[in-house]
Amino acid sequence: MNAYRISFRLLALAILAIPVAFTACKDDPYEMPSDVQWRSSGKAAGAIVTTPYDERIEVPARKSGNTFVAHTVEFNGHEVMNYCLEYDPKRMHSRWVAFRFDGDTRPKMVSRSDEPFADDPKLPRNMWIGTQSFNGSRGQHYSRGHLVASADRLFSREANEQTFYMSNISPQIDAFNAPYWARLEGIVQDKGRNTSFADTLYVVKGGYIDDDGDIMDMAPRSNGTNVAVPTHYFMALLRVKGTTYNSIGFWMEQRDYGYEDTYEIPKTIFSTNHQVRSIDELEILTGIDFFHNLPDDIEKRVEAEYSEGLWLN
């Protein structure tokens, strides 16, 4: 990360206003269309083409020049959004993935698939990277780290297998992937499947890849492509329980934190390591507009603060 961007981020974070009171919000206006009608966005800059998927609360505002993909499955007699993503063809890596835990997607009906890694069939072939493990430019090994975790999608076999598409995979340092990233994944899964905690939990995850200074390596692939290895990862979470909305963000450096077992890591480690953020702060760090489909007044209130105790106890 260059010095200018560090200074800008620190300045912007320092002047954020925090006064907030949570309030009710209208229901998610999105319903899965039976026949997607593509249309040019009237509010997005550049050549972005939007679909009704973009109206979902979990889907961030998109960046011009990237490729949007939505993966759905047939479940309980209707079409269900499994997850969607924005793919950066320059980095050969997703900028973010988005999904939700709700009545359709929170059940645990299947176990993890037998690692059926595959290139994403919805991406053009020139954006495929192959399914082999990652080796860095200097020969170091990286894990095939899930963004949407396999354990996030256990409501159907097809939904779980879709998490093994390489568009959902990021090169992660072994000691970061498991246990550290996996620990936060587990917290999110526990919250998402707990109906006492949330009616719906909206989730956005990713590795930060927008700036050259935040790419630690470019991992070469056998087909001649190169995949960005992010220096930082993030998660943005929005909880809906009745008429109450709460959010929180996480921003963490990709490195070895010195743990060997996922479940020896206390939940409070993310606070101890100063990796907890408001969504407003996370938007400054990532340049991504999260949960922008909320009404503006609700978005402003919900994204300005967070409660560590609500999420990390």
C-alpha atoms as a PDB file:
ATOM      1  CA  MET A   1       0.000   0.000   0.000  1.00  0.00           C
ATOM      2  CA  ASN A   2       1.528   3.337  -0.970  1.00  0.00           C
ATOM      3  CA  ALA A   3       2.088   6.156   1.516  1.00  0.00           C
ATOM      4  CA  TYR A   4      -0.507   8.419  -0.071  1.00  0.00           C
ATOM      5  CA  ARG A   5      -3.240   5.832   0.284  1.00  0.00           C
ATOM      6  CA  ILE A   6      -2.249   5.111   3.887  1.00  0.00           C
ATOM      7  CA  SER A   7      -2.441   8.832   4.700  1.00  0.00           C
ATOM      8  CA  PHE A   8      -5.787   9.201   2.943  1.00  0.00           C
ATOM      9  CA  ARG A   9      -7.266   6.216   4.722  1.00  0.00           C
ATOM     10  CA  LEU A  10      -6.042   7.362   8.133  1.00  0.00           C
ATOM     11  CA  LEU A  11      -7.387  10.880   7.571  1.00  0.00           C
ATOM     12  CA  ALA A  12     -10.750   9.623   6.366  1.00  0.00           C
ATOM     13  CA  LEU A  13     -11.067   7.171   9.248  1.00  0.00           C
ATOM     14  CA  ALA A  14     -10.184   9.887  11.745  1.00  0.00           C
ATOM     15  CA  ILE A  15     -12.982  12.230  10.656  1.00  0.00           C
ATOM     16  CA  LEU A  16     -15.823   9.692  10.488  1.00  0.00           C
ATOM     17  CA  ALA A  17     -18.856  10.689  12.522  1.00  0.00           C
ATOM     18  CA  ILE A  18     -20.342   7.996  14.742  1.00  0.00           C
ATOM     19  CA  PRO A  19     -23.687   9.213  16.224  1.00  0.00           C
ATOM     20  CA  VAL A  20     -26.239   6.529  15.367  1.00  0.00           C
ATOM     21  CA  ALA A  21     -29.502   4.972  16.503  1.00  0.00           C
ATOM     22  CA  PHE A  22     -30.674   1.770  14.835  1.00  0.00           C
ATOM     23  CA  THR A  23     -34.107   1.807  13.288  1.00  0.00           C
ATOM     24  CA  ALA A  24     -36.379  -0.286  11.152  1.00  0.00           C
ATOM     25  CA  CYS A  25     -35.918  -0.730   7.435  1.00  0.00           C
ATOM     26  CA  LYS A  26     -38.189  -1.815   4.643  1.00  0.00           C
ATOM     27  CA  ASP A  27     -38.008  -5.469   3.667  1.00  0.00           C
ATOM     28  CA  ASP A  28     -35.535  -6.604   1.044  1.00  0.00           C
ATOM     29  CA  PRO A  29     -37.253  -5.580  -2.219  1.00  0.00           C
ATOM     30  CA  TYR A  30     -35.557  -8.315  -4.205  1.00  0.00           C
ATOM     31  CA  GLU A  31     -37.341 -11.407  -5.486  1.00  0.00           C
ATOM     32  CA  MET A  32     -35.580 -13.964  -7.665  1.00  0.00           C
ATOM     33  CA  PRO A  33     -36.686 -13.337 -11.265  1.00  0.00           C
ATOM     34  CA  SER A  34     -37.731 -16.309 -13.348  1.00  0.00           C
ATOM     35  CA  ASP A  35     -36.265 -14.641 -16.428  1.00  0.00           C
ATOM     36  CA  VAL A  36     -33.460 -12.151 -15.829  1.00  0.00           C
ATOM     37  CA  GLN A  37     -33.805  -9.019 -17.951  1.00  0.00           C
ATOM     38  CA  TRP A  38     -30.473  -7.250 -18.469  1.00  0.00           C
ATOM     39  CA  ARG A  39     -30.529  -3.476 -18.503  1.00  0.00           C
ATOM     40  CA  SER A  40     -28.085  -0.571 -18.519  1.00  0.00           C
ATOM     41  CA  SER A  41     -27.763   1.089 -15.140  1.00  0.00           C
ATOM     42  CA  GLY A  42     -29.107   4.604 -14.953  1.00  0.00           C
ATOM     43  CA  LYS A  43     -27.065   5.460 -11.873  1.00  0.00           C
ATOM     44  CA  ALA A  44     -23.817   3.543 -12.261  1.00  0.00           C
ATOM     45  CA  ALA A  45     -20.859   5.128 -14.009  1.00  0.00           C
ATOM     46  CA  GLY A  46     -19.250   3.598 -17.062  1.00  0.00           C
ATOM     47  CA  ALA A  47     -20.479   0.566 -18.962  1.00  0.00           C
ATOM     48  CA  ILE A  48     -21.890  -1.388 -16.005  1.00  0.00           C
ATOM     49  CA  VAL A  49     -24.871  -3.550 -16.941  1.00  0.00           C
ATOM     50  CA  THR A  50     -27.162  -4.392 -14.043  1.00  0.00           C
ATOM     51  CA  THR A  51     -29.745  -7.083 -13.356  1.00  0.00           C
ATOM     52  CA  PRO A  52     -32.378  -7.527 -10.636  1.00  0.00           C
ATOM     53  CA  TYR A  53     -29.666  -9.335  -8.668  1.00  0.00           C
ATOM     54  CA  ASP A  54     -28.092  -5.931  -8.043  1.00  0.00           C
ATOM     55  CA  GLU A  55     -31.140  -4.952  -5.982  1.00  0.00           C
ATOM     56  CA  ARG A  56     -30.334  -7.495  -3.293  1.00  0.00           C
ATOM     57  CA  ILE A  57     -29.238  -5.981   0.000  1.00  0.00           C
ATOM     58  CA  GLU A  58     -26.017  -8.003   0.164  1.00  0.00           C
ATOM     59  CA  VAL A  59     -24.786  -6.991  -3.312  1.00  0.00           C
ATOM     60  CA  PRO A  60     -22.325  -4.045  -3.220  1.00  0.00           C
ATOM     61  CA  ALA A  61     -22.172  -1.292  -5.806  1.00  0.00           C
ATOM     62  CA  ARG A  62     -20.176  -2.624  -8.740  1.00  0.00           C
ATOM     63  CA  LYS A  63     -17.031  -1.339 -10.393  1.00  0.00           C
ATOM     64  CA  SER A  64     -16.870  -0.634 -14.112  1.00  0.00           C
ATOM     65  CA  GLY A  65     -14.756  -3.058 -16.134  1.00  0.00           C
ATOM     66  CA  ASN A  66     -15.308  -6.079 -13.910  1.00  0.00           C
ATOM     67  CA  THR A  67     -17.497  -9.120 -14.581  1.00  0.00           C
ATOM     68  CA  PHE A  68     -20.567  -9.932 -12.479  1.00  0.00           C
ATOM     69  CA  VAL A  69     -21.587 -13.564 -11.947  1.00  0.00           C
ATOM     70  CA  ALA A  70     -24.569 -14.950 -10.016  1.00  0.00           C
ATOM     71  CA  HIS A  71     -24.804 -18.623  -9.060  1.00  0.00           C
ATOM     72  CA  THR A  72     -28.259 -20.007  -8.313  1.00  0.00           C
ATOM     73  CA  VAL A  73     -29.697 -23.428  -7.523  1.00  0.00           C
ATOM     74  CA  GLU A  74     -33.126 -25.023  -7.564  1.00  0.00           C
ATOM     75  CA  PHE A  75     -34.128 -25.702  -3.960  1.00  0.00           C
ATOM     76  CA  ASN A  76     -37.486 -26.468  -2.331  1.00  0.00           C
ATOM     77  CA  GLY A  77     -39.249 -25.940  -5.633  1.00  0.00           C
ATOM     78  CA  HIS A  78     -37.866 -22.504  -6.444  1.00  0.00           C
ATOM     79  CA  GLU A  79     -34.705 -20.760  -7.564  1.00  0.00           C
ATOM     80  CA  VAL A  80     -32.388 -19.643  -4.773  1.00  0.00           C
ATOM     81  CA  MET A  81     -29.422 -17.305  -5.024  1.00  0.00           C
ATOM     82  CA  ASN A  82     -26.410 -19.246  -3.763  1.00  0.00           C
ATOM     83  CA  TYR A  83     -23.867 -16.443  -4.058  1.00  0.00           C
ATOM     84  CA  CYS A  84     -22.685 -13.809  -6.492  1.00  0.00           C
ATOM     85  CA  LEU A  85     -19.356 -12.157  -7.187  1.00  0.00           C
ATOM     86  CA  GLU A  86     -17.551  -9.379  -9.018  1.00  0.00           C
ATOM     87  CA  TYR A  87     -14.527 -10.703 -10.907  1.00  0.00           C
ATOM     88  CA  ASP A  88     -11.539  -8.526 -11.814  1.00  0.00           C
ATOM     89  CA  PRO A  89     -10.070  -9.818 -15.120  1.00  0.00           C
ATOM     90  CA  LYS A  90      -6.845  -7.875 -14.567  1.00  0.00           C
ATOM     91  CA  ARG A  91      -6.187  -9.542 -11.207  1.00  0.00           C
ATOM     92  CA  MET A  92      -7.869 -12.858 -12.163  1.00  0.00           C
ATOM     93  CA  HIS A  93      -9.441 -12.727  -8.707  1.00  0.00           C
ATOM     94  CA  SER A  94     -12.862 -11.792  -7.360  1.00  0.00           C
ATOM     95  CA  ARG A  95     -13.121  -8.309  -5.898  1.00  0.00           C
ATOM     96  CA  TRP A  96     -15.890  -9.513  -3.594  1.00  0.00           C
ATOM     97  CA  VAL A  97     -18.385 -12.314  -3.076  1.00  0.00           C
ATOM     98  CA  ALA A  98     -21.829 -11.797  -1.532  1.00  0.00           C
ATOM     99  CA  PHE A  99     -24.449 -14.117  -0.073  1.00  0.00           C
ATOM    100  CA  ARG A 100     -26.896 -14.486   2.789  1.00  0.00           C
ATOM    101  CA  PHE A 101     -27.994 -16.883   5.487  1.00  0.00           C
ATOM    102  CA  ASP A 102     -31.803 -17.080   5.488  1.00  0.00           C
ATOM    103  CA  GLY A 103     -34.596 -19.644   5.685  1.00  0.00           C
ATOM    104  CA  ASP A 104     -33.494 -21.303   2.449  1.00  0.00           C
ATOM    105  CA  THR A 105     -29.725 -21.173   2.805  1.00  0.00           C
ATOM    106  CA  ARG A 106     -28.957 -21.632   6.519  1.00  0.00           C
ATOM    107  CA  PRO A 107     -29.889 -25.357   6.899  1.00  0.00           C
ATOM    108  CA  LYS A 108     -27.131 -27.972   7.080  1.00  0.00           C
ATOM    109  CA  MET A 109     -28.427 -30.693   4.764  1.00  0.00           C
ATOM    110  CA  VAL A 110     -25.164 -32.015   3.277  1.00  0.00           C
ATOM    111  CA  SER A 111     -21.500 -32.345   4.194  1.00  0.00           C
ATOM    112  CA  ARG A 112     -18.544 -30.757   2.421  1.00  0.00           C
ATOM    113  CA  SER A 113     -18.088 -31.982  -1.136  1.00  0.00           C
ATOM    114  CA  ASP A 114     -14.977 -33.951  -2.069  1.00  0.00           C
ATOM    115  CA  GLU A 115     -13.124 -30.855  -3.303  1.00  0.00           C
ATOM    116  CA  PRO A 116     -14.582 -30.675  -6.833  1.00  0.00           C
ATOM    117  CA  PHE A 117     -12.498 -27.638  -7.857  1.00  0.00           C
ATOM    118  CA  ALA A 118     -13.490 -26.318 -11.287  1.00  0.00           C
ATOM    119  CA  ASP A 119     -13.182 -23.162 -13.331  1.00  0.00           C
ATOM    120  CA  ASP A 120     -16.312 -21.040 -13.120  1.00  0.00           C
ATOM    121  CA  PRO A 121     -18.561 -22.052 -16.049  1.00  0.00           C
ATOM    122  CA  LYS A 122     -20.185 -18.602 -16.039  1.00  0.00           C
ATOM    123  CA  LEU A 123     -16.893 -16.807 -16.676  1.00  0.00           C
ATOM    124  CA  PRO A 124     -15.421 -16.491 -20.181  1.00  0.00           C
ATOM    125  CA  ARG A 125     -12.690 -19.051 -20.789  1.00  0.00           C
ATOM    126  CA  ASN A 126     -10.052 -16.316 -20.995  1.00  0.00           C
ATOM    127  CA  MET A 127     -10.733 -15.644 -17.296  1.00  0.00           C
ATOM    128  CA  TRP A 128     -10.173 -19.241 -16.231  1.00  0.00           C
ATOM    129  CA  ILE A 129      -7.089 -19.980 -14.138  1.00  0.00           C
ATOM    130  CA  GLY A 130      -7.072 -23.783 -13.839  1.00  0.00           C
ATOM    131  CA  THR A 131      -7.705 -25.813 -10.715  1.00  0.00           C
ATOM    132  CA  GLN A 132      -4.237 -26.673  -9.447  1.00  0.00           C
ATOM    133  CA  SER A 133      -2.883 -25.351  -6.144  1.00  0.00           C
ATOM    134  CA  PHE A 134      -1.179 -21.964  -6.101  1.00  0.00           C
ATOM    135  CA  ASN A 135       2.561 -21.442  -6.197  1.00  0.00           C
ATOM    136  CA  GLY A 136       3.919 -17.926  -5.923  1.00  0.00           C
ATOM    137  CA  SER A 137       6.301 -16.157  -8.254  1.00  0.00           C
ATOM    138  CA  ARG A 138       9.191 -17.238  -6.014  1.00  0.00           C
ATOM    139  CA  GLY A 139       7.968 -20.811  -5.622  1.00  0.00           C
ATOM    140  CA  GLN A 140       6.181 -20.438  -2.283  1.00  0.00           C
ATOM    141  CA  HIS A 141       2.938 -22.384  -1.746  1.00  0.00           C
ATOM    142  CA  TYR A 142      -0.495 -20.855  -1.179  1.00  0.00           C
ATOM    143  CA  SER A 143      -3.683 -22.659  -0.157  1.00  0.00           C
ATOM    144  CA  ARG A 144      -6.784 -22.573  -2.312  1.00  0.00           C
ATOM    145  CA  GLY A 145      -8.731 -20.461   0.174  1.00  0.00           C
ATOM    146  CA  HIS A 146     -12.496 -20.194  -0.146  1.00  0.00           C
ATOM    147  CA  LEU A 147     -14.162 -16.779  -0.042  1.00  0.00           C
ATOM    148  CA  VAL A 148     -17.663 -18.220   0.306  1.00  0.00           C
ATOM    149  CA  ALA A 149     -16.685 -21.075   2.605  1.00  0.00           C
ATOM    150  CA  SER A 150     -17.731 -24.605   1.757  1.00  0.00           C
ATOM    151  CA  ALA A 151     -19.376 -24.702   5.197  1.00  0.00           C
ATOM    152  CA  ASP A 152     -21.341 -21.526   4.378  1.00  0.00           C
ATOM    153  CA  ARG A 153     -23.350 -23.440   1.777  1.00  0.00           C
ATOM    154  CA  LEU A 154     -24.587 -26.771   3.128  1.00  0.00           C
ATOM    155  CA  PHE A 155     -28.248 -26.521   2.185  1.00  0.00           C
ATOM    156  CA  SER A 156     -27.782 -28.569  -1.012  1.00  0.00           C
ATOM    157  CA  ARG A 157     -25.100 -30.588  -2.742  1.00  0.00           C
ATOM    158  CA  GLU A 158     -25.111 -28.341  -5.816  1.00  0.00           C
ATOM    159  CA  ALA A 159     -24.821 -25.213  -3.667  1.00  0.00           C
ATOM    160  CA  ASN A 160     -21.810 -26.652  -1.866  1.00  0.00           C
ATOM    161  CA  GLU A 161     -20.106 -27.744  -5.076  1.00  0.00           C
ATOM    162  CA  GLN A 162     -20.463 -24.230  -6.505  1.00  0.00           C
ATOM    163  CA  THR A 163     -18.212 -22.920  -3.712  1.00  0.00           C
ATOM    164  CA  PHE A 164     -15.341 -24.832  -5.349  1.00  0.00           C
ATOM    165  CA  TYR A 165     -15.414 -22.699  -8.497  1.00  0.00           C
ATOM    166  CA  MET A 166     -12.018 -21.047  -8.839  1.00  0.00           C
ATOM    167  CA  SER A 167     -13.647 -17.607  -9.055  1.00  0.00           C
ATOM    168  CA  ASN A 168     -14.466 -18.160  -5.363  1.00  0.00           C
ATOM    169  CA  ILE A 169     -10.904 -19.204  -4.487  1.00  0.00           C
ATOM    170  CA  SER A 170      -8.078 -16.946  -3.314  1.00  0.00           C
ATOM    171  CA  PRO A 171      -4.366 -17.728  -2.836  1.00  0.00           C
ATOM    172  CA  GLN A 172      -3.890 -17.725   0.940  1.00  0.00           C
ATOM    173  CA  ILE A 173      -0.867 -18.330   3.122  1.00  0.00           C
ATOM    174  CA  ASP A 174      -1.420 -21.757   4.673  1.00  0.00           C
ATOM    175  CA  ALA A 175      -1.175 -20.470   8.256  1.00  0.00           C
ATOM    176  CA  PHE A 176      -3.656 -17.675   7.493  1.00  0.00           C
ATOM    177  CA  ASN A 177      -6.211 -19.812   5.659  1.00  0.00           C
ATOM    178  CA  ALA A 178      -6.452 -22.306   8.499  1.00  0.00           C
ATOM    179  CA  PRO A 179      -6.699 -21.455  11.272  1.00  0.00           C
ATOM    180  CA  TYR A 180      -7.119 -17.651  11.228  1.00  0.00           C
ATOM    181  CA  TRP A 181      -9.485 -17.000   8.300  1.00  0.00           C
ATOM    182  CA  ALA A 182     -11.319 -20.213   9.158  1.00  0.00           C
ATOM    183  CA  ARG A 183     -11.937 -18.965  12.705  1.00  0.00           C
ATOM    184  CA  LEU A 184     -13.796 -15.889  11.498  1.00  0.00           C
ATOM    185  CA  GLU A 185     -15.662 -18.013   8.955  1.00  0.00           C
ATOM    186  CA  GLY A 186     -16.855 -20.218  11.808  1.00  0.00           C
ATOM    187  CA  ILE A 187     -18.108 -17.233  13.792  1.00  0.00           C
ATOM    188  CA  VAL A 188     -20.072 -16.021  10.765  1.00  0.00           C
ATOM    189  CA  GLN A 189     -21.578 -19.477  10.203  1.00  0.00           C
ATOM    190  CA  ASP A 190     -22.641 -19.780  13.840  1.00  0.00           C
ATOM    191  CA  LYS A 191     -24.313 -16.368  13.734  1.00  0.00           C
ATOM    192  CA  GLY A 192     -25.916 -16.986  10.353  1.00  0.00           C
ATOM    193  CA  ARG A 193     -27.485 -20.277  11.406  1.00  0.00           C
ATOM    194  CA  ASN A 194     -28.715 -18.995  14.773  1.00  0.00           C
ATOM    195  CA  THR A 195     -32.309 -17.857  14.247  1.00  0.00           C
ATOM    196  CA  SER A 196     -32.286 -16.277  17.700  1.00  0.00           C
ATOM    197  CA  PHE A 197     -29.511 -13.992  16.469  1.00  0.00           C
ATOM    198  CA  ALA A 198     -30.718 -13.126  12.961  1.00  0.00           C
ATOM    199  CA  ASP A 199     -33.652 -13.642  10.651  1.00  0.00           C
ATOM    200  CA  THR A 200     -31.241 -12.911   7.795  1.00  0.00           C
ATOM    201  CA  LEU A 201     -27.485 -12.383   7.854  1.00  0.00           C
ATOM    202  CA  TYR A 202     -26.050 -10.619   4.796  1.00  0.00           C
ATOM    203  CA  VAL A 203     -22.368 -11.321   4.105  1.00  0.00           C
ATOM    204  CA  VAL A 204     -19.765  -9.785   1.793  1.00  0.00           C
ATOM    205  CA  LYS A 205     -16.186 -11.124   1.745  1.00  0.00           C
ATOM    206  CA  GLY A 206     -13.105 -10.562  -0.314  1.00  0.00           C
ATOM    207  CA  GLY A 207      -9.409 -10.007  -0.679  1.00  0.00           C
ATOM    208  CA  TYR A 208      -8.418  -6.392  -1.302  1.00  0.00           C
ATOM    209  CA  ILE A 209      -7.011  -6.198  -4.841  1.00  0.00           C
ATOM    210  CA  ASP A 210      -7.737  -2.682  -6.131  1.00  0.00           C
ATOM    211  CA  ASP A 211      -4.257  -1.209  -5.580  1.00  0.00           C
ATOM    212  CA  ASP A 212      -0.944  -2.563  -6.841  1.00  0.00           C
ATOM    213  CA  GLY A 213       0.597  -1.815  -3.448  1.00  0.00           C
ATOM    214  CA  ASP A 214      -1.854  -4.208  -1.788  1.00  0.00           C
ATOM    215  CA  ILE A 215      -0.860  -7.187  -3.936  1.00  0.00           C
ATOM    216  CA  MET A 216       1.855  -9.235  -2.226  1.00  0.00           C
ATOM    217  CA  ASP A 217       2.436 -11.530  -5.205  1.00  0.00           C
ATOM    218  CA  MET A 218       1.095 -12.605  -8.583  1.00  0.00           C
ATOM    219  CA  ALA A 219       0.797 -16.393  -8.657  1.00  0.00           C
ATOM    220  CA  PRO A 220       1.547 -17.771 -12.143  1.00  0.00           C
ATOM    221  CA  ARG A 221      -0.767 -20.427 -13.575  1.00  0.00           C
ATOM    222  CA  SER A 222      -0.085 -23.201 -16.062  1.00  0.00           C
ATOM    223  CA  ASN A 223      -2.322 -21.544 -18.677  1.00  0.00           C
ATOM    224  CA  GLY A 224      -0.217 -18.378 -18.627  1.00  0.00           C
ATOM    225  CA  THR A 225      -2.458 -16.284 -16.381  1.00  0.00           C
ATOM    226  CA  ASN A 226      -1.386 -14.711 -13.086  1.00  0.00           C
ATOM    227  CA  VAL A 227      -3.563 -14.487  -9.974  1.00  0.00           C
ATOM    228  CA  ALA A 228      -3.313 -11.655  -7.438  1.00  0.00           C
ATOM    229  CA  VAL A 229      -2.360 -12.596  -3.869  1.00  0.00           C
ATOM    230  CA  PRO A 230      -3.954  -9.981  -1.562  1.00  0.00           C
ATOM    231  CA  THR A 231      -2.186  -8.450   1.431  1.00  0.00           C
ATOM    232  CA  HIS A 232      -5.530  -7.958   3.226  1.00  0.00           C
ATOM    233  CA  TYR A 233      -8.944  -9.616   3.477  1.00  0.00           C
ATOM    234  CA  PHE A 234     -12.260  -8.217   4.638  1.00  0.00           C
ATOM    235  CA  MET A 235     -15.759  -9.196   5.695  1.00  0.00           C
ATOM    236  CA  ALA A 236     -18.850  -6.971   5.908  1.00  0.00           C
ATOM    237  CA  LEU A 237     -21.825  -8.316   7.862  1.00  0.00           C
ATOM    238  CA  LEU A 238     -25.384  -7.028   8.220  1.00  0.00           C
ATOM    239  CA  ARG A 239     -27.789  -8.633  10.684  1.00  0.00           C
ATOM    240  CA  VAL A 240     -31.564  -8.297  10.470  1.00  0.00           C
ATOM    241  CA  LYS A 241     -33.650  -9.427  13.443  1.00  0.00           C
ATOM    242  CA  GLY A 242     -37.238  -8.265  13.311  1.00  0.00           C
ATOM    243  CA  THR A 243     -36.981  -4.517  12.730  1.00  0.00           C
ATOM    244  CA  THR A 244     -33.450  -4.233  14.150  1.00  0.00           C
ATOM    245  CA  TYR A 245     -30.408  -3.878  11.914  1.00  0.00           C
ATOM    246  CA  ASN A 246     -26.774  -4.191  13.054  1.00  0.00           C
ATOM    247  CA  SER A 247     -23.555  -4.279  11.059  1.00  0.00           C
ATOM    248  CA  ILE A 248     -19.855  -4.889  11.553  1.00  0.00           C
ATOM    249  CA  GLY A 249     -16.740  -5.083   9.395  1.00  0.00           C
ATOM    250  CA  PHE A 250     -13.444  -6.941   9.603  1.00  0.00           C
ATOM    251  CA  TRP A 251     -10.147  -5.973   7.939  1.00  0.00           C
ATOM    252  CA  MET A 252      -7.149  -8.245   8.421  1.00  0.00           C
ATOM    253  CA  GLU A 253      -3.665  -8.577   7.074  1.00  0.00           C
ATOM    254  CA  GLN A 254      -2.812 -11.853   5.391  1.00  0.00           C
ATOM    255  CA  ARG A 255       0.009 -13.298   7.532  1.00  0.00           C
ATOM    256  CA  ASP A 256       0.840 -16.042  10.018  1.00  0.00           C
ATOM    257  CA  TYR A 257      -0.709 -15.141  13.389  1.00  0.00           C
ATOM    258  CA  GLY A 258       1.047 -17.945  15.229  1.00  0.00           C
ATOM    259  CA  TYR A 259      -1.877 -20.323  15.731  1.00  0.00           C
ATOM    260  CA  GLU A 260      -1.967 -23.954  14.667  1.00  0.00           C
ATOM    261  CA  ASP A 261      -5.542 -24.915  15.562  1.00  0.00           C
ATOM    262  CA  THR A 262      -8.646 -22.977  14.567  1.00  0.00           C
ATOM    263  CA  TYR A 263     -10.534 -23.533  17.785  1.00  0.00           C
ATOM    264  CA  GLU A 264      -7.713 -22.439  20.073  1.00  0.00           C
ATOM    265  CA  ILE A 265      -8.221 -18.916  18.726  1.00  0.00           C
ATOM    266  CA  PRO A 266     -10.463 -16.813  21.003  1.00  0.00           C
ATOM    267  CA  LYS A 267     -13.272 -14.870  19.329  1.00  0.00           C
ATOM    268  CA  THR A 268     -11.867 -11.699  20.866  1.00  0.00           C
ATOM    269  CA  ILE A 269      -8.629 -12.025  18.874  1.00  0.00           C
ATOM    270  CA  PHE A 270     -10.080  -9.906  16.067  1.00  0.00           C
ATOM    271  CA  SER A 271     -10.673  -7.084  18.547  1.00  0.00           C
ATOM    272  CA  THR A 272      -7.291  -7.581  20.206  1.00  0.00           C
ATOM    273  CA  ASN A 273      -5.609  -7.342  16.803  1.00  0.00           C
ATOM    274  CA  HIS A 274      -7.582  -4.171  15.946  1.00  0.00           C
ATOM    275  CA  GLN A 275      -9.272  -5.834  12.975  1.00  0.00           C
ATOM    276  CA  VAL A 276     -12.849  -4.787  13.774  1.00  0.00           C
ATOM    277  CA  ARG A 277     -14.300  -1.866  11.822  1.00  0.00           C
ATOM    278  CA  SER A 278     -17.552  -0.075  11.196  1.00  0.00           C
ATOM    279  CA  ILE A 279     -18.891  -0.519   7.672  1.00  0.00           C
ATOM    280  CA  ASP A 280     -18.169   3.162   7.028  1.00  0.00           C
ATOM    281  CA  GLU A 281     -14.524   2.546   7.911  1.00  0.00           C
ATOM    282  CA  LEU A 282     -14.392  -0.629   5.830  1.00  0.00           C
ATOM    283  CA  GLU A 283     -15.753   1.261   2.830  1.00  0.00           C
ATOM    284  CA  ILE A 284     -12.872   3.735   3.120  1.00  0.00           C
ATOM    285  CA  LEU A 285     -10.330   0.924   3.365  1.00  0.00           C
ATOM    286  CA  THR A 286     -11.726  -1.056   0.416  1.00  0.00           C
ATOM    287  CA  GLY A 287     -13.370   1.547  -1.808  1.00  0.00           C
ATOM    288  CA  ILE A 288     -16.473  -0.692  -1.895  1.00  0.00           C
ATOM    289  CA  ASP A 289     -19.982   0.647  -1.199  1.00  0.00           C
ATOM    290  CA  PHE A 290     -21.565  -2.060   0.971  1.00  0.00           C
ATOM    291  CA  PHE A 291     -25.309  -2.476   1.576  1.00  0.00           C
ATOM    292  CA  HIS A 292     -26.078   0.481  -0.694  1.00  0.00           C
ATOM    293  CA  ASN A 293     -29.546  -0.899  -1.440  1.00  0.00           C
ATOM    294  CA  LEU A 294     -30.706   0.077   2.028  1.00  0.00           C
ATOM    295  CA  PRO A 295     -32.581   3.389   2.119  1.00  0.00           C
ATOM    296  CA  ASP A 296     -29.989   6.132   2.490  1.00  0.00           C
ATOM    297  CA  ASP A 297     -31.042   7.221   5.975  1.00  0.00           C
ATOM    298  CA  ILE A 298     -31.003   3.631   7.252  1.00  0.00           C
ATOM    299  CA  GLU A 299     -27.680   2.890   5.559  1.00  0.00           C
ATOM    300  CA  LYS A 300     -26.105   5.952   7.157  1.00  0.00           C
ATOM    301  CA  ARG A 301     -27.222   4.962  10.638  1.00  0.00           C
ATOM    302  CA  VAL A 302     -26.460   1.260  10.438  1.00  0.00           C
ATOM    303  CA  GLU A 303     -23.012   1.573   8.870  1.00  0.00           C
ATOM    304  CA  ALA A 304     -21.625   4.154  11.292  1.00  0.00           C
ATOM    305  CA  GLU A 305     -21.181   1.963  14.367  1.00  0.00           C
ATOM    306  CA  TYR A 306     -20.908  -1.608  15.594  1.00  0.00           C
ATOM    307  CA  SER A 307     -21.053  -3.611  18.816  1.00  0.00           C
ATOM    308  CA  GLU A 308     -18.175  -6.043  19.308  1.00  0.00           C
ATOM    309  CA  GLY A 309     -20.074  -7.761  22.104  1.00  0.00           C
ATOM    310  CA  LEU A 310     -22.997  -8.573  19.827  1.00  0.00           C
ATOM    311  CA  TRP A 311     -20.785 -10.335  17.294  1.00  0.00           C
ATOM    312  CA  LEU A 312     -17.799 -11.701  19.217  1.00  0.00           C
ATOM    313  CA  ASN A 313     -19.377 -13.063  22.418  1.00  0.00           C
END
